[in-house]
Protein backbone atom coordinates (compact mmCIF):
# COMPACT_ATOMS: atom_id res chain seq x y z
CA MET A 1 0.49 16.19 37.32
CA TYR A 2 -0.01 13.63 40.11
CA ARG A 3 -3.66 13.20 39.23
CA SER A 4 -2.71 12.71 35.54
CA ASN A 5 -0.08 10.09 36.41
CA PHE A 6 -2.50 8.30 38.73
CA LYS A 7 -5.11 8.26 35.99
CA ARG A 8 -2.58 6.88 33.49
CA LEU A 9 -1.56 4.12 35.91
CA GLY A 10 -5.22 3.28 36.38
CA VAL A 11 -5.69 2.92 32.63
CA VAL A 12 -2.68 0.59 32.44
CA PHE A 13 -4.00 -1.59 35.26
CA VAL A 14 -7.43 -1.76 33.63
CA LEU A 15 -5.80 -2.83 30.36
CA LEU A 16 -3.74 -5.45 32.15
CA ALA A 17 -6.80 -6.84 33.86
CA ALA A 18 -8.76 -6.89 30.60
CA LEU A 19 -5.96 -8.61 28.75
CA THR A 20 -5.56 -11.21 31.50
CA ALA A 21 -9.28 -11.91 31.49
CA GLN A 22 -9.40 -12.19 27.71
CA GLN A 23 -6.45 -14.48 27.27
CA GLY A 24 -7.92 -17.95 27.26
CA HIS A 25 -5.50 -18.34 24.36
CA ARG A 26 -1.83 -17.45 24.62
CA TRP A 27 -0.71 -14.16 23.12
CA PRO A 28 3.00 -13.85 22.41
CA PHE A 29 3.02 -10.20 23.57
CA GLY A 30 2.01 -8.12 26.56
CA VAL A 31 0.33 -4.73 26.96
CA TRP A 32 0.92 -2.19 24.18
CA ARG A 33 2.52 1.18 24.90
CA ARG A 34 3.76 3.96 22.68
CA VAL A 35 7.48 4.08 21.97
CA SER A 36 7.25 7.71 20.86
CA GLU A 37 4.80 10.38 21.97
CA THR A 38 5.25 12.15 18.64
CA PRO A 39 4.99 10.81 15.06
CA LEU A 40 7.93 8.94 13.52
CA ILE A 41 7.06 10.32 10.10
CA ALA A 42 4.91 13.33 9.20
CA PRO A 43 3.86 15.09 5.97
CA ARG A 44 6.45 17.37 4.41
CA GLY A 45 6.85 19.75 1.48
CA ASN A 46 4.30 20.54 -1.19
CA GLY A 47 4.71 17.44 -3.31
CA TRP A 48 3.85 13.74 -3.15
CA GLU A 49 3.78 13.50 0.68
CA ALA A 50 2.34 16.92 1.52
CA ALA A 51 -1.09 15.85 2.82
CA GLY A 52 -0.43 12.61 4.66
CA THR A 53 2.17 9.96 5.47
CA PHE A 54 0.48 6.99 7.12
CA ASN A 55 -0.40 3.26 7.14
CA PRO A 56 3.12 1.78 7.09
CA SER A 57 4.40 -1.75 6.61
CA VAL A 58 7.84 -2.94 7.70
CA VAL A 59 10.17 -5.83 6.92
CA ALA A 60 13.69 -6.78 7.92
CA GLN A 61 16.26 -6.69 5.12
CA GLY A 62 19.69 -7.85 6.24
CA ASP A 63 20.82 -5.63 9.11
CA LYS A 64 18.28 -2.87 8.44
CA ILE A 65 14.54 -2.39 8.67
CA VAL A 66 12.65 -1.08 5.67
CA MET A 67 9.34 0.72 5.89
CA LEU A 68 6.96 1.29 2.99
CA TYR A 69 4.28 3.85 3.78
CA ARG A 70 1.37 5.48 2.05
CA ALA A 71 1.96 9.11 1.14
CA GLN A 72 -0.74 11.39 -0.19
CA ASP A 73 -0.43 14.64 -2.08
CA LYS A 74 -2.85 17.57 -1.80
CA GLN A 75 -4.85 16.30 -4.78
CA GLY A 76 -5.54 13.02 -2.95
CA THR A 77 -3.29 10.74 -5.01
CA SER A 78 -1.36 8.12 -3.04
CA ARG A 79 2.13 6.74 -3.63
CA LEU A 80 4.41 4.54 -1.55
CA GLY A 81 7.39 6.04 0.21
CA TYR A 82 10.47 4.20 1.43
CA ALA A 83 12.30 4.69 4.74
CA GLU A 84 14.98 2.64 6.46
CA SER A 85 16.27 2.23 9.99
CA THR A 86 18.87 0.34 11.98
CA ASP A 87 16.90 0.25 15.23
CA GLY A 88 13.27 0.18 14.07
CA VAL A 89 12.53 3.57 15.64
CA HIS A 90 14.58 6.23 13.81
CA PHE A 91 13.95 6.23 10.06
CA THR A 92 15.55 7.99 7.10
CA ARG A 93 13.29 8.63 4.11
CA ARG A 94 14.10 8.57 0.42
CA ALA A 95 13.32 11.77 -1.42
CA ASP A 96 11.16 10.09 -4.08
CA PRO A 97 8.46 7.42 -3.94
CA VAL A 98 9.37 3.84 -4.86
CA PHE A 99 5.89 2.88 -6.10
CA SER A 100 3.53 5.22 -7.95
CA PRO A 101 0.24 4.76 -9.81
CA ALA A 102 0.83 3.49 -13.35
CA GLU A 103 -1.99 1.12 -14.37
CA ASP A 104 -5.61 1.96 -15.15
CA TYR A 105 -6.76 0.38 -11.88
CA GLU A 106 -4.50 2.84 -9.99
CA LYS A 107 -4.94 6.03 -12.00
CA ASP A 108 -6.13 9.24 -10.30
CA GLY A 109 -6.54 7.57 -6.91
CA GLY A 110 -3.23 5.82 -6.44
CA VAL A 111 -1.56 2.96 -4.62
CA GLU A 112 -2.56 2.63 -0.98
CA ASP A 113 -1.96 0.77 2.29
CA PRO A 114 1.03 -1.55 1.72
CA ARG A 115 1.52 -4.88 3.49
CA LEU A 116 4.75 -6.83 3.17
CA VAL A 117 5.77 -10.46 3.56
CA ARG A 118 8.86 -12.34 2.44
CA PHE A 119 9.15 -15.85 0.98
CA GLY A 120 12.65 -16.96 0.07
CA GLU A 121 14.46 -14.04 -1.59
CA THR A 122 11.28 -12.37 -2.82
CA TYR A 123 9.25 -9.65 -1.10
CA TYR A 124 5.51 -9.66 -1.74
CA LEU A 125 3.58 -6.41 -1.53
CA THR A 126 -0.20 -6.36 -1.28
CA TYR A 127 -1.76 -2.95 -1.77
CA THR A 128 -4.98 -1.24 -2.76
CA GLY A 129 -5.21 0.05 -6.31
CA TYR A 130 -7.71 2.91 -6.42
CA ASN A 131 -8.90 4.66 -9.59
CA LYS A 132 -11.61 6.90 -8.04
CA LYS A 133 -14.17 4.27 -9.11
CA ASP A 134 -13.07 1.01 -7.52
CA ALA A 135 -10.62 -0.03 -4.83
CA GLN A 136 -9.12 -3.45 -5.52
CA LEU A 137 -6.56 -5.67 -3.83
CA CYS A 138 -3.37 -5.88 -5.89
CA LEU A 139 0.04 -7.58 -5.70
CA ALA A 140 3.62 -6.71 -6.66
CA THR A 141 6.97 -8.43 -6.06
CA SER A 142 10.53 -7.22 -5.54
CA GLN A 143 14.02 -8.43 -4.73
CA ASP A 144 15.21 -5.13 -3.21
CA LEU A 145 12.04 -3.31 -2.00
CA ILE A 146 12.74 -0.47 -4.42
CA HIS A 147 12.07 -1.91 -7.88
CA TRP A 148 8.67 -3.58 -8.21
CA ASP A 149 7.05 -5.98 -10.65
CA ARG A 150 3.25 -5.67 -10.74
CA LYS A 151 1.20 -8.87 -10.76
CA GLY A 152 -2.12 -7.06 -11.16
CA VAL A 153 -5.43 -7.22 -9.32
CA ILE A 154 -5.64 -10.42 -7.28
CA LEU A 155 -9.16 -10.03 -5.84
CA PRO A 156 -11.32 -7.91 -8.16
CA ALA A 157 -13.98 -5.60 -6.78
CA ASN A 158 -17.70 -6.37 -7.14
CA ARG A 159 -17.27 -10.09 -7.85
CA GLY A 160 -16.80 -11.87 -4.56
CA ASN A 161 -18.69 -14.64 -2.81
CA TRP A 162 -19.95 -12.24 -0.14
CA ASN A 163 -17.70 -9.19 -0.71
CA VAL A 164 -19.80 -7.57 -3.39
CA LYS A 165 -18.04 -4.19 -3.44
CA TRP A 166 -14.40 -3.19 -2.89
CA THR A 167 -11.48 -5.37 -1.80
CA LYS A 168 -8.48 -4.26 0.29
CA SER A 169 -5.96 -5.12 2.98
CA GLY A 170 -4.24 -8.39 2.09
CA ALA A 171 -2.46 -9.86 5.13
CA ILE A 172 -0.61 -12.94 3.84
CA VAL A 173 0.15 -15.71 6.35
CA PRO A 174 3.98 -15.96 6.39
CA GLU A 175 4.14 -19.76 5.99
CA LYS A 176 2.31 -22.27 3.83
CA ILE A 177 -0.38 -24.31 5.55
CA ASN A 178 -1.66 -27.60 4.12
CA GLY A 179 0.36 -26.95 0.97
CA LYS A 180 -1.25 -23.54 0.29
CA TYR A 181 -0.65 -19.86 0.85
CA TRP A 182 -3.37 -18.04 2.79
CA MET A 183 -4.38 -14.39 2.99
CA TYR A 184 -6.85 -12.52 5.16
CA PHE A 185 -8.39 -9.58 3.31
CA LEU A 186 -11.10 -6.93 3.60
CA GLY A 187 -14.31 -7.03 1.61
CA THR A 188 -17.53 -5.05 1.75
CA SER A 189 -20.76 -7.00 2.10
CA ALA A 190 -24.14 -6.03 0.66
CA ASP A 191 -25.13 -4.27 3.90
CA ASN A 192 -22.09 -1.99 3.50
CA ARG A 193 -20.13 -3.57 6.36
CA ASP A 194 -16.38 -4.01 5.91
CA GLN A 195 -15.39 -7.47 7.11
CA ALA A 196 -12.45 -9.84 6.86
CA GLY A 197 -12.45 -12.78 4.47
CA LEU A 198 -9.93 -15.46 3.54
CA ALA A 199 -8.33 -16.43 0.23
CA SER A 200 -5.89 -19.17 -0.73
CA SER A 201 -3.30 -19.68 -3.47
CA SER A 202 -1.05 -22.43 -4.80
CA ASP A 203 1.56 -20.03 -6.22
CA ILE A 204 1.08 -16.80 -4.15
CA ILE A 205 0.21 -14.93 -7.37
CA HIS A 206 -3.29 -16.20 -8.21
CA TRP A 207 -5.83 -16.12 -5.38
CA THR A 208 -9.28 -17.62 -4.81
CA GLU A 209 -11.71 -16.94 -2.00
CA ALA A 210 -11.73 -19.78 0.51
CA THR A 211 -15.10 -19.17 2.18
CA LYS A 212 -18.67 -18.17 1.36
CA ALA A 213 -18.89 -15.79 4.33
CA PRO A 214 -16.55 -13.51 6.30
CA VAL A 215 -14.17 -15.29 8.68
CA LEU A 216 -13.97 -12.22 10.92
CA PRO A 217 -17.36 -10.48 10.81
CA VAL A 218 -18.26 -7.20 12.46
CA ARG A 219 -20.04 -7.31 15.83
CA PRO A 220 -22.96 -5.02 16.75
CA GLY A 221 -22.30 -2.90 19.81
CA LYS A 222 -18.55 -3.60 19.87
CA PHE A 223 -15.50 -1.54 18.92
CA ASP A 224 -15.57 -3.40 15.57
CA SER A 225 -19.28 -2.96 14.76
CA ARG A 226 -18.64 -1.28 11.39
CA VAL A 227 -15.20 -2.50 10.23
CA ALA A 228 -13.05 -5.57 10.93
CA GLU A 229 -9.97 -5.11 8.73
CA PRO A 230 -6.76 -7.21 8.68
CA GLY A 231 -3.56 -5.53 9.81
CA PRO A 232 -0.02 -6.83 9.20
CA ALA A 233 0.99 -10.37 8.29
CA PRO A 234 -0.16 -12.69 11.10
CA ILE A 235 2.01 -14.16 13.85
CA LEU A 236 2.27 -17.96 13.81
CA THR A 237 2.61 -20.08 16.92
CA SER A 238 2.73 -23.87 17.13
CA ASP A 239 -1.05 -24.18 16.98
CA GLU A 240 -2.51 -20.72 16.27
CA ILE A 241 -2.60 -17.89 13.74
CA ILE A 242 -2.70 -14.53 15.51
CA LEU A 243 -4.11 -11.71 13.41
CA ILE A 244 -3.82 -8.09 14.50
CA TYR A 245 -6.79 -6.26 13.01
CA ASN A 246 -8.26 -2.79 12.81
CA GLY A 247 -11.79 -2.39 14.10
CA ALA A 248 -14.06 0.61 13.68
CA ASP A 249 -17.34 1.31 15.44
CA ASP A 250 -20.43 2.98 14.03
CA LYS A 251 -18.83 6.40 14.58
CA LEU A 252 -15.77 5.21 12.59
CA VAL A 253 -13.38 5.42 15.51
CA TYR A 254 -10.58 2.97 14.67
CA ARG A 255 -9.04 0.81 17.38
CA THR A 256 -6.89 -2.33 17.36
CA GLY A 257 -8.11 -5.86 18.03
CA VAL A 258 -6.66 -9.37 18.06
CA ALA A 259 -8.17 -12.49 16.46
CA ILE A 260 -6.88 -16.05 16.77
CA PHE A 261 -7.40 -18.69 14.11
CA ASP A 262 -6.57 -22.40 14.02
CA ARG A 263 -3.05 -23.09 12.71
CA THR A 264 -4.26 -26.20 10.85
CA ASP A 265 -7.39 -24.50 9.44
CA PRO A 266 -7.07 -20.73 8.77
CA ARG A 267 -10.85 -20.55 8.28
CA LYS A 268 -11.57 -21.45 11.88
CA LEU A 269 -11.85 -18.51 14.28
CA LEU A 270 -10.94 -19.63 17.80
CA TRP A 271 -11.14 -16.37 19.70
CA ARG A 272 -11.14 -12.59 19.39
CA SER A 273 -10.74 -9.70 21.80
CA ASP A 274 -13.88 -8.20 23.31
CA ASP A 275 -12.03 -4.95 23.94
CA PRO A 276 -9.38 -3.15 21.88
CA VAL A 277 -5.71 -3.44 22.77
CA PHE A 278 -4.86 0.01 21.37
CA SER A 279 -6.92 3.18 20.84
CA PRO A 280 -6.50 6.81 19.71
CA GLU A 281 -5.20 8.99 22.54
CA LYS A 282 -2.77 11.57 21.17
CA ASP A 283 -3.91 14.73 19.42
CA TRP A 284 -2.23 13.59 16.20
CA GLU A 285 -4.21 10.32 16.35
CA LYS A 286 -7.47 12.20 16.89
CA VAL A 287 -7.06 15.11 14.48
CA GLY A 288 -6.05 14.76 10.82
CA GLN A 289 -7.41 13.78 7.43
CA VAL A 290 -9.61 11.18 9.13
CA PRO A 291 -10.12 11.81 12.86
CA ASN A 292 -9.85 9.26 15.67
CA VAL A 293 -7.81 6.59 13.92
CA VAL A 294 -5.01 4.26 14.93
CA PHE A 295 -4.51 1.84 12.04
CA VAL A 296 -1.89 -0.86 12.56
CA GLU A 297 -0.38 -2.15 9.35
CA GLY A 298 3.24 -3.03 10.19
CA MET A 299 4.80 -5.33 12.75
CA LEU A 300 8.37 -6.31 13.58
CA GLU A 301 9.55 -9.01 15.96
CA GLN A 302 12.73 -8.19 17.85
CA GLN A 303 14.52 -10.26 20.46
CA ASN A 304 12.52 -9.18 23.49
CA ARG A 305 9.62 -7.21 22.02
CA PHE A 306 7.19 -6.64 19.20
CA LEU A 307 7.04 -3.28 17.43
CA PHE A 308 3.75 -2.19 15.89
CA TYR A 309 3.63 0.58 13.28
CA TYR A 310 0.44 2.47 12.68
CA GLY A 311 -1.19 5.38 10.91
CA GLY A 312 -2.56 8.20 13.07
CA ALA A 313 -5.65 10.05 11.75
CA ASP A 314 -4.63 9.12 8.17
CA THR A 315 -1.88 11.74 8.46
CA TYR A 316 1.04 10.50 10.57
CA ILE A 317 3.02 7.36 11.42
CA GLY A 318 3.42 6.17 14.99
CA ILE A 319 5.00 3.23 16.80
CA ALA A 320 3.94 1.10 19.76
CA GLU A 321 5.69 -1.81 21.47
CA ALA A 322 4.78 -4.81 23.59
CA SER A 323 7.14 -7.09 25.46
CA ARG A 324 7.57 -10.62 24.19
CA LYS A 325 6.16 -13.33 26.42
CA HIS A 326 8.35 -16.37 26.99
């Protein structure tokens, strides 16, 4: 026990040193740690969430916190479940999904990997529509997070400037910049690398790619050598855009990274982490439908901390926290 605790303290100190060394730019949060050693939400029953409950997004709604999460049945079809909480840690699930495949671009594969942002009284949901042929980035809107109005595919597959295959993972910047809405997204380049691009919009419904190349490319030999995929909606500071992203190496081990872009020009990458800030450690993060995955997709700012919600091994939902820096 003492050796285990000493080893854990050593890991924490190494992380602290790495974070201190990396932070030429100011992060608004400190070192990440798990709030719960066990999953917040796990598969249940034999129906729509029997095989996996993972990749959650969260948003505050009045005095409660709402989570939308991807749920997969044993046939591999994905739907979005709904859970709510008063403290951000203990969630109560609805019995039925709130968003299910309905259009041709969602049939047989489903609706996957939600990301939420709010403008005014409207909630905007980006998600992946998968029909067993193509995965494409889609959009829906809601006033109550239960009833949804589809806006269709917003970045079609196989037609991009550099992203010549599938599109996914739309992380919308939560404020307009230079009169436009901005969104970091995932595309697949011709060499089969999954990298982050940038799109812009004048109305938040119709989107156009903003660059001819990825704004967050993969890096050979790093934890993000194979995948660099946007996570939740970015954090904005007075002069920076802070994007939490999911990196995977050549063995497809998923870890969490941080990238910082210029607040006045979302195309301009200022800095990114050389080392991950969060990695698979628990058995339920290492063993599941897809092994060795922590995939952060939800984030909540509370008074003195940030909460990060993630999928573990494409099967479970976990939560981590980091103290807010003042």
